[in-house]
PDB file of N, CA and C in Angstrom:
ATOM      1  N   MET A   1      -3.328  -9.022  -9.705  1.00  0.00           N
ATOM      2  CA  MET A   1      -3.548 -10.425  -9.448  1.00  0.00           C
ATOM      3  C   MET A   1      -3.571 -10.618  -7.943  1.00  0.00           C
ATOM      4  N   VAL A   2      -4.563 -11.352  -7.461  1.00  0.00           N
ATOM      5  CA  VAL A   2      -4.662 -11.705  -6.051  1.00  0.00           C
ATOM      6  C   VAL A   2      -4.600 -13.223  -5.966  1.00  0.00           C
ATOM      7  N   VAL A   3      -3.635 -13.731  -5.191  1.00  0.00           N
ATOM      8  CA  VAL A   3      -3.442 -15.172  -5.055  1.00  0.00           C
ATOM      9  C   VAL A   3      -3.574 -15.532  -3.584  1.00  0.00           C
ATOM     10  N   THR A   4      -4.402 -16.520  -3.288  1.00  0.00           N
ATOM     11  CA  THR A   4      -4.509 -17.057  -1.941  1.00  0.00           C
ATOM     12  C   THR A   4      -3.986 -18.478  -1.980  1.00  0.00           C
ATOM     13  N   LEU A   5      -3.008 -18.760  -1.107  1.00  0.00           N
ATOM     14  CA  LEU A   5      -2.358 -20.067  -1.101  1.00  0.00           C
ATOM     15  C   LEU A   5      -2.580 -20.758   0.238  1.00  0.00           C
ATOM     16  N   GLY A   6      -2.946 -22.029   0.181  1.00  0.00           N
ATOM     17  CA  GLY A   6      -3.183 -22.808   1.385  1.00  0.00           C
ATOM     18  C   GLY A   6      -2.272 -24.018   1.430  1.00  0.00           C
ATOM     19  N   GLY A   7      -2.264 -24.668   2.572  1.00  0.00           N
ATOM     20  CA  GLY A   7      -1.374 -25.798   2.813  1.00  0.00           C
ATOM     21  C   GLY A   7      -0.421 -25.423   3.932  1.00  0.00           C
ATOM     22  N   ARG A   8       0.811 -25.895   3.839  1.00  0.00           N
ATOM     23  CA  ARG A   8       1.827 -25.496   4.820  1.00  0.00           C
ATOM     24  C   ARG A   8       2.550 -24.276   4.263  1.00  0.00           C
ATOM     25  N   VAL A   9       1.983 -23.105   4.512  1.00  0.00           N
ATOM     26  CA  VAL A   9       2.510 -21.874   3.926  1.00  0.00           C
ATOM     27  C   VAL A   9       2.846 -20.810   4.965  1.00  0.00           C
ATOM     28  N   GLN A  10       2.474 -21.021   6.221  1.00  0.00           N
ATOM     29  CA  GLN A  10       2.839 -20.076   7.274  1.00  0.00           C
ATOM     30  C   GLN A  10       3.943 -20.675   8.137  1.00  0.00           C
ATOM     31  N   GLY A  11       4.884 -19.828   8.542  1.00  0.00           N
ATOM     32  CA  GLY A  11       5.978 -20.287   9.394  1.00  0.00           C
ATOM     33  C   GLY A  11       7.064 -21.036   8.653  1.00  0.00           C
ATOM     34  N   VAL A  12       7.083 -20.913   7.323  1.00  0.00           N
ATOM     35  CA  VAL A  12       8.075 -21.640   6.518  1.00  0.00           C
ATOM     36  C   VAL A  12       8.852 -20.705   5.585  1.00  0.00           C
ATOM     37  N   GLY A  13       8.748 -19.399   5.816  1.00  0.00           N
ATOM     38  CA  GLY A  13       9.467 -18.431   4.987  1.00  0.00           C
ATOM     39  C   GLY A  13       8.797 -18.112   3.666  1.00  0.00           C
ATOM     40  N   PHE A  14       7.509 -18.381   3.565  1.00  0.00           N
ATOM     41  CA  PHE A  14       6.813 -18.191   2.293  1.00  0.00           C
ATOM     42  C   PHE A  14       6.764 -16.728   1.870  1.00  0.00           C
ATOM     43  N   ARG A  15       6.471 -15.831   2.811  1.00  0.00           N
ATOM     44  CA  ARG A  15       6.364 -14.415   2.449  1.00  0.00           C
ATOM     45  C   ARG A  15       7.709 -13.846   2.003  1.00  0.00           C
ATOM     46  N   SER A  16       8.790 -14.249   2.666  1.00  0.00           N
ATOM     47  CA  SER A  16      10.131 -13.812   2.256  1.00  0.00           C
ATOM     48  C   SER A  16      10.485 -14.372   0.882  1.00  0.00           C
ATOM     49  N   PHE A  17      10.108 -15.612   0.642  1.00  0.00           N
ATOM     50  CA  PHE A  17      10.303 -16.245  -0.658  1.00  0.00           C
ATOM     51  C   PHE A  17       9.569 -15.447  -1.736  1.00  0.00           C
ATOM     52  N   ALA A  18       8.316 -15.083  -1.452  1.00  0.00           N
ATOM     53  CA  ALA A  18       7.519 -14.315  -2.413  1.00  0.00           C
ATOM     54  C   ALA A  18       8.158 -12.956  -2.680  1.00  0.00           C
ATOM     55  N   ARG A  19       8.633 -12.293  -1.625  1.00  0.00           N
ATOM     56  CA  ARG A  19       9.261 -10.980  -1.804  1.00  0.00           C
ATOM     57  C   ARG A  19      10.514 -11.088  -2.666  1.00  0.00           C
ATOM     58  N   TYR A  20      11.333 -12.107  -2.426  1.00  0.00           N
ATOM     59  CA  TYR A  20      12.551 -12.293  -3.215  1.00  0.00           C
ATOM     60  C   TYR A  20      12.210 -12.533  -4.689  1.00  0.00           C
ATOM     61  N   LYS A  21      11.267 -13.437  -4.945  1.00  0.00           N
ATOM     62  CA  LYS A  21      10.883 -13.732  -6.332  1.00  0.00           C
ATOM     63  C   LYS A  21      10.278 -12.500  -7.003  1.00  0.00           C
ATOM     64  N   ALA A  22       9.466 -11.735  -6.262  1.00  0.00           N
ATOM     65  CA  ALA A  22       8.873 -10.515  -6.802  1.00  0.00           C
ATOM     66  C   ALA A  22       9.966  -9.513  -7.166  1.00  0.00           C
ATOM     67  N   PHE A  23      10.951  -9.362  -6.289  1.00  0.00           N
ATOM     68  CA  PHE A  23      12.063  -8.451  -6.555  1.00  0.00           C
ATOM     69  C   PHE A  23      12.797  -8.864  -7.830  1.00  0.00           C
ATOM     70  N   MET A  24      13.066 -10.158  -7.982  1.00  0.00           N
ATOM     71  CA  MET A  24      13.797 -10.657  -9.151  1.00  0.00           C
ATOM     72  C   MET A  24      13.010 -10.448 -10.444  1.00  0.00           C
ATOM     73  N   LEU A  25      11.695 -10.431 -10.361  1.00  0.00           N
ATOM     74  CA  LEU A  25      10.852 -10.297 -11.555  1.00  0.00           C
ATOM     75  C   LEU A  25      10.312  -8.884 -11.765  1.00  0.00           C
ATOM     76  N   GLY A  26      10.583  -7.983 -10.844  1.00  0.00           N
ATOM     77  CA  GLY A  26      10.068  -6.623 -10.962  1.00  0.00           C
ATOM     78  C   GLY A  26       8.591  -6.496 -10.642  1.00  0.00           C
ATOM     79  N   ILE A  27       8.089  -7.390  -9.795  1.00  0.00           N
ATOM     80  CA  ILE A  27       6.683  -7.391  -9.405  1.00  0.00           C
ATOM     81  C   ILE A  27       6.505  -6.498  -8.177  1.00  0.00           C
ATOM     82  N   LYS A  28       5.410  -5.775  -8.130  1.00  0.00           N
ATOM     83  CA  LYS A  28       5.089  -4.924  -6.985  1.00  0.00           C
ATOM     84  C   LYS A  28       3.834  -5.453  -6.297  1.00  0.00           C
ATOM     85  N   GLY A  29       3.717  -5.196  -4.997  1.00  0.00           N
ATOM     86  CA  GLY A  29       2.541  -5.643  -4.255  1.00  0.00           C
ATOM     87  C   GLY A  29       2.894  -6.009  -2.834  1.00  0.00           C
ATOM     88  N   TYR A  30       2.269  -7.082  -2.316  1.00  0.00           N
ATOM     89  CA  TYR A  30       2.568  -7.511  -0.948  1.00  0.00           C
ATOM     90  C   TYR A  30       2.173  -8.969  -0.738  1.00  0.00           C
ATOM     91  N   ALA A  31       2.681  -9.530   0.362  1.00  0.00           N
ATOM     92  CA  ALA A  31       2.297 -10.861   0.835  1.00  0.00           C
ATOM     93  C   ALA A  31       1.972 -10.727   2.314  1.00  0.00           C
ATOM     94  N   ARG A  32       0.921 -11.406   2.743  1.00  0.00           N
ATOM     95  CA  ARG A  32       0.569 -11.381   4.165  1.00  0.00           C
ATOM     96  C   ARG A  32      -0.082 -12.692   4.570  1.00  0.00           C
ATOM     97  N   ASN A  33       0.094 -13.044   5.842  1.00  0.00           N
ATOM     98  CA  ASN A  33      -0.605 -14.191   6.402  1.00  0.00           C
ATOM     99  C   ASN A  33      -2.050 -13.802   6.653  1.00  0.00           C
ATOM    100  N   THR A  34      -2.953 -14.760   6.520  1.00  0.00           N
ATOM    101  CA  THR A  34      -4.356 -14.512   6.825  1.00  0.00           C
ATOM    102  C   THR A  34      -4.713 -15.249   8.113  1.00  0.00           C
ATOM    103  N   TRP A  35      -5.842 -14.898   8.680  1.00  0.00           N
ATOM    104  CA  TRP A  35      -6.285 -15.471   9.951  1.00  0.00           C
ATOM    105  C   TRP A  35      -6.539 -16.970   9.859  1.00  0.00           C
ATOM    106  N   ASN A  36      -6.809 -17.488   8.650  1.00  0.00           N
ATOM    107  CA  ASN A  36      -7.168 -18.899   8.498  1.00  0.00           C
ATOM    108  C   ASN A  36      -5.998 -19.779   8.048  1.00  0.00           C
ATOM    109  N   GLY A  37      -4.765 -19.302   8.243  1.00  0.00           N
ATOM    110  CA  GLY A  37      -3.595 -20.126   7.962  1.00  0.00           C
ATOM    111  C   GLY A  37      -3.114 -20.093   6.523  1.00  0.00           C
ATOM    112  N   LYS A  38      -3.651 -19.199   5.730  1.00  0.00           N
ATOM    113  CA  LYS A  38      -3.245 -19.086   4.331  1.00  0.00           C
ATOM    114  C   LYS A  38      -2.352 -17.866   4.138  1.00  0.00           C
ATOM    115  N   VAL A  39      -1.814 -17.722   2.942  1.00  0.00           N
ATOM    116  CA  VAL A  39      -1.034 -16.546   2.574  1.00  0.00           C
ATOM    117  C   VAL A  39      -1.731 -15.885   1.400  1.00  0.00           C
ATOM    118  N   GLU A  40      -1.911 -14.581   1.514  1.00  0.00           N
ATOM    119  CA  GLU A  40      -2.500 -13.793   0.427  1.00  0.00           C
ATOM    120  C   GLU A  40      -1.396 -12.975  -0.228  1.00  0.00           C
ATOM    121  N   VAL A  41      -1.347 -13.020  -1.540  1.00  0.00           N
ATOM    122  CA  VAL A  41      -0.363 -12.256  -2.305  1.00  0.00           C
ATOM    123  C   VAL A  41      -1.118 -11.381  -3.298  1.00  0.00           C
ATOM    124  N   VAL A  42      -0.820 -10.096  -3.261  1.00  0.00           N
ATOM    125  CA  VAL A  42      -1.346  -9.153  -4.246  1.00  0.00           C
ATOM    126  C   VAL A  42      -0.157  -8.726  -5.088  1.00  0.00           C
ATOM    127  N   ALA A  43      -0.258  -8.886  -6.410  1.00  0.00           N
ATOM    128  CA  ALA A  43       0.887  -8.631  -7.284  1.00  0.00           C
ATOM    129  C   ALA A  43       0.454  -7.859  -8.522  1.00  0.00           C
ATOM    130  N   GLU A  44       1.323  -6.902  -8.913  1.00  0.00           N
ATOM    131  CA  GLU A  44       1.106  -6.132 -10.131  1.00  0.00           C
ATOM    132  C   GLU A  44       2.389  -6.116 -10.941  1.00  0.00           C
ATOM    133  N   GLY A  45       2.233  -6.222 -12.245  1.00  0.00           N
ATOM    134  CA  GLY A  45       3.372  -6.198 -13.148  1.00  0.00           C
ATOM    135  C   GLY A  45       2.952  -6.679 -14.522  1.00  0.00           C
ATOM    136  N   PRO A  46       3.912  -6.786 -15.439  1.00  0.00           N
ATOM    137  CA  PRO A  46       3.613  -7.287 -16.779  1.00  0.00           C
ATOM    138  C   PRO A  46       3.066  -8.719 -16.719  1.00  0.00           C
ATOM    139  N   LEU A  47       2.124  -9.028 -17.589  1.00  0.00           N
ATOM    140  CA  LEU A  47       1.452 -10.326 -17.565  1.00  0.00           C
ATOM    141  C   LEU A  47       2.419 -11.496 -17.623  1.00  0.00           C
ATOM    142  N   GLU A  48       3.439 -11.429 -18.485  1.00  0.00           N
ATOM    143  CA  GLU A  48       4.381 -12.554 -18.590  1.00  0.00           C
ATOM    144  C   GLU A  48       5.176 -12.731 -17.295  1.00  0.00           C
ATOM    145  N   LYS A  49       5.462 -11.639 -16.599  1.00  0.00           N
ATOM    146  CA  LYS A  49       6.161 -11.720 -15.312  1.00  0.00           C
ATOM    147  C   LYS A  49       5.226 -12.252 -14.227  1.00  0.00           C
ATOM    148  N   LEU A  50       3.953 -11.862 -14.274  1.00  0.00           N
ATOM    149  CA  LEU A  50       2.982 -12.389 -13.323  1.00  0.00           C
ATOM    150  C   LEU A  50       2.806 -13.887 -13.488  1.00  0.00           C
ATOM    151  N   ASP A  51       2.796 -14.368 -14.729  1.00  0.00           N
ATOM    152  CA  ASP A  51       2.701 -15.812 -14.977  1.00  0.00           C
ATOM    153  C   ASP A  51       3.890 -16.542 -14.357  1.00  0.00           C
ATOM    154  N   GLU A  52       5.080 -16.005 -14.542  1.00  0.00           N
ATOM    155  CA  GLU A  52       6.278 -16.613 -13.980  1.00  0.00           C
ATOM    156  C   GLU A  52       6.230 -16.572 -12.446  1.00  0.00           C
ATOM    157  N   PHE A  53       5.794 -15.454 -11.900  1.00  0.00           N
ATOM    158  CA  PHE A  53       5.668 -15.300 -10.454  1.00  0.00           C
ATOM    159  C   PHE A  53       4.673 -16.314  -9.888  1.00  0.00           C
ATOM    160  N   LEU A  54       3.548 -16.497 -10.558  1.00  0.00           N
ATOM    161  CA  LEU A  54       2.541 -17.455 -10.115  1.00  0.00           C
ATOM    162  C   LEU A  54       3.116 -18.874 -10.088  1.00  0.00           C
ATOM    163  N   LYS A  55       3.897 -19.241 -11.083  1.00  0.00           N
ATOM    164  CA  LYS A  55       4.533 -20.566 -11.087  1.00  0.00           C
ATOM    165  C   LYS A  55       5.432 -20.738  -9.873  1.00  0.00           C
ATOM    166  N   GLU A  56       6.177 -19.689  -9.532  1.00  0.00           N
ATOM    167  CA  GLU A  56       7.054 -19.739  -8.358  1.00  0.00           C
ATOM    168  C   GLU A  56       6.236 -19.857  -7.074  1.00  0.00           C
ATOM    169  N   LEU A  57       5.138 -19.114  -6.972  1.00  0.00           N
ATOM    170  CA  LEU A  57       4.299 -19.197  -5.780  1.00  0.00           C
ATOM    171  C   LEU A  57       3.704 -20.589  -5.617  1.00  0.00           C
ATOM    172  N   LYS A  58       3.295 -21.194  -6.701  1.00  0.00           N
ATOM    173  CA  LYS A  58       2.737 -22.554  -6.626  1.00  0.00           C
ATOM    174  C   LYS A  58       3.774 -23.558  -6.132  1.00  0.00           C
ATOM    175  N   ARG A  59       5.029 -23.308  -6.460  1.00  0.00           N
ATOM    176  CA  ARG A  59       6.120 -24.177  -6.008  1.00  0.00           C
ATOM    177  C   ARG A  59       6.466 -23.874  -4.556  1.00  0.00           C
ATOM    178  N   GLY A  60       6.608 -22.593  -4.223  1.00  0.00           N
ATOM    179  CA  GLY A  60       6.932 -22.168  -2.867  1.00  0.00           C
ATOM    180  C   GLY A  60       8.350 -22.519  -2.462  1.00  0.00           C
ATOM    181  N   PRO A  61       8.756 -22.104  -1.254  1.00  0.00           N
ATOM    182  CA  PRO A  61      10.080 -22.472  -0.755  1.00  0.00           C
ATOM    183  C   PRO A  61      10.115 -23.965  -0.427  1.00  0.00           C
ATOM    184  N   THR A  62      11.301 -24.498  -0.252  1.00  0.00           N
ATOM    185  CA  THR A  62      11.437 -25.953  -0.057  1.00  0.00           C
ATOM    186  C   THR A  62      10.696 -26.465   1.171  1.00  0.00           C
ATOM    187  N   SER A  63      10.547 -25.645   2.202  1.00  0.00           N
ATOM    188  CA  SER A  63       9.877 -26.096   3.426  1.00  0.00           C
ATOM    189  C   SER A  63       8.351 -25.984   3.355  1.00  0.00           C
ATOM    190  N   ALA A  64       7.823 -25.365   2.321  1.00  0.00           N
ATOM    191  CA  ALA A  64       6.368 -25.194   2.179  1.00  0.00           C
ATOM    192  C   ALA A  64       5.757 -26.372   1.424  1.00  0.00           C
ATOM    193  N   ARG A  65       4.465 -26.551   1.634  1.00  0.00           N
ATOM    194  CA  ARG A  65       3.683 -27.532   0.878  1.00  0.00           C
ATOM    195  C   ARG A  65       2.407 -26.831   0.426  1.00  0.00           C
ATOM    196  N   VAL A  66       2.431 -26.311  -0.792  1.00  0.00           N
ATOM    197  CA  VAL A  66       1.270 -25.588  -1.331  1.00  0.00           C
ATOM    198  C   VAL A  66       0.248 -26.612  -1.817  1.00  0.00           C
ATOM    199  N   ARG A  67      -0.940 -26.568  -1.230  1.00  0.00           N
ATOM    200  CA  ARG A  67      -1.981 -27.527  -1.581  1.00  0.00           C
ATOM    201  C   ARG A  67      -3.201 -26.864  -2.223  1.00  0.00           C
ATOM    202  N   GLU A  68      -3.367 -25.573  -1.982  1.00  0.00           N
ATOM    203  CA  GLU A  68      -4.501 -24.839  -2.553  1.00  0.00           C
ATOM    204  C   GLU A  68      -3.998 -23.539  -3.180  1.00  0.00           C
ATOM    205  N   VAL A  69      -4.510 -23.221  -4.355  1.00  0.00           N
ATOM    206  CA  VAL A  69      -4.165 -21.968  -5.016  1.00  0.00           C
ATOM    207  C   VAL A  69      -5.435 -21.388  -5.625  1.00  0.00           C
ATOM    208  N   ASP A  70      -5.767 -20.184  -5.203  1.00  0.00           N
ATOM    209  CA  ASP A  70      -6.915 -19.466  -5.768  1.00  0.00           C
ATOM    210  C   ASP A  70      -6.373 -18.180  -6.392  1.00  0.00           C
ATOM    211  N   VAL A  71      -6.626 -17.984  -7.679  1.00  0.00           N
ATOM    212  CA  VAL A  71      -6.089 -16.826  -8.401  1.00  0.00           C
ATOM    213  C   VAL A  71      -7.240 -15.994  -8.949  1.00  0.00           C
ATOM    214  N   ARG A  72      -7.154 -14.678  -8.706  1.00  0.00           N
ATOM    215  CA  ARG A  72      -8.113 -13.733  -9.283  1.00  0.00           C
ATOM    216  C   ARG A  72      -7.315 -12.635  -9.983  1.00  0.00           C
ATOM    217  N   PHE A  73      -7.616 -12.428 -11.233  1.00  0.00           N
ATOM    218  CA  PHE A  73      -6.982 -11.324 -11.952  1.00  0.00           C
ATOM    219  C   PHE A  73      -7.899 -10.111 -11.849  1.00  0.00           C
ATOM    220  N   GLU A  74      -7.323  -9.012 -11.362  1.00  0.00           N
ATOM    221  CA  GLU A  74      -8.053  -7.770 -11.188  1.00  0.00           C
ATOM    222  C   GLU A  74      -7.281  -6.649 -11.872  1.00  0.00           C
ATOM    223  N   PRO A  75      -7.934  -5.567 -12.230  1.00  0.00           N
ATOM    224  CA  PRO A  75      -7.214  -4.442 -12.838  1.00  0.00           C
ATOM    225  C   PRO A  75      -6.168  -3.893 -11.857  1.00  0.00           C
ATOM    226  N   PRO A  76      -4.988  -3.525 -12.352  1.00  0.00           N
ATOM    227  CA  PRO A  76      -3.964  -2.973 -11.452  1.00  0.00           C
ATOM    228  C   PRO A  76      -4.396  -1.627 -10.882  1.00  0.00           C
ATOM    229  N   THR A  77      -3.955  -1.350  -9.662  1.00  0.00           N
ATOM    230  CA  THR A  77      -4.269  -0.079  -9.004  1.00  0.00           C
ATOM    231  C   THR A  77      -3.092   0.888  -9.066  1.00  0.00           C
ATOM    232  N   TYR A  78      -1.911   0.377  -9.358  1.00  0.00           N
ATOM    233  CA  TYR A  78      -0.679   1.180  -9.438  1.00  0.00           C
ATOM    234  C   TYR A  78      -0.363   1.893  -8.122  1.00  0.00           C
ATOM    235  N   GLU A  79      -0.785   1.308  -7.014  1.00  0.00           N
ATOM    236  CA  GLU A  79      -0.544   1.933  -5.715  1.00  0.00           C
ATOM    237  C   GLU A  79       0.738   1.449  -5.047  1.00  0.00           C
ATOM    238  N   PHE A  80       1.388   0.430  -5.613  1.00  0.00           N
ATOM    239  CA  PHE A  80       2.558  -0.167  -4.970  1.00  0.00           C
ATOM    240  C   PHE A  80       3.857   0.325  -5.606  1.00  0.00           C
ATOM    241  N   TYR A  81       4.848   0.581  -4.755  1.00  0.00           N
ATOM    242  CA  TYR A  81       6.164   1.018  -5.229  1.00  0.00           C
ATOM    243  C   TYR A  81       7.199  -0.082  -5.132  1.00  0.00           C
ATOM    244  N   ASP A  82       6.904  -1.112  -4.356  1.00  0.00           N
ATOM    245  CA  ASP A  82       7.798  -2.249  -4.178  1.00  0.00           C
ATOM    246  C   ASP A  82       6.945  -3.444  -3.738  1.00  0.00           C
ATOM    247  N   PHE A  83       7.597  -4.464  -3.211  1.00  0.00           N
ATOM    248  CA  PHE A  83       6.875  -5.633  -2.721  1.00  0.00           C
ATOM    249  C   PHE A  83       7.098  -5.723  -1.221  1.00  0.00           C
ATOM    250  N   SER A  84       6.032  -5.662  -0.452  1.00  0.00           N
ATOM    251  CA  SER A  84       6.114  -5.623   1.012  1.00  0.00           C
ATOM    252  C   SER A  84       5.618  -6.917   1.634  1.00  0.00           C
ATOM    253  N   ILE A  85       5.998  -7.106   2.886  1.00  0.00           N
ATOM    254  CA  ILE A  85       5.502  -8.220   3.700  1.00  0.00           C
ATOM    255  C   ILE A  85       4.742  -7.627   4.873  1.00  0.00           C
ATOM    256  N   TYR A  86       3.561  -8.142   5.125  1.00  0.00           N
ATOM    257  CA  TYR A  86       2.760  -7.722   6.282  1.00  0.00           C
ATOM    258  C   TYR A  86       2.504  -8.893   7.182  1.00  0.00           C
TER     259      TYR A  86
END
């Protein structure tokens, strides 16, 4: 799953929030800021856990204001061992 989130998502602890939620759900992948002020999250895991993770990302940390969410489901690559921040 690839999620791109827009709004007030940079400089508010969003990537750390995503890493914590991913750890709690057993999700692997990464979160990174993009050049255009958005956050990109790549996540792999069981579908029911990905659904729960997506709900958390849409909510974001208390200081964030998520206004845009673009979700693409792609086949897993199994290349991730944990959840990283870039």
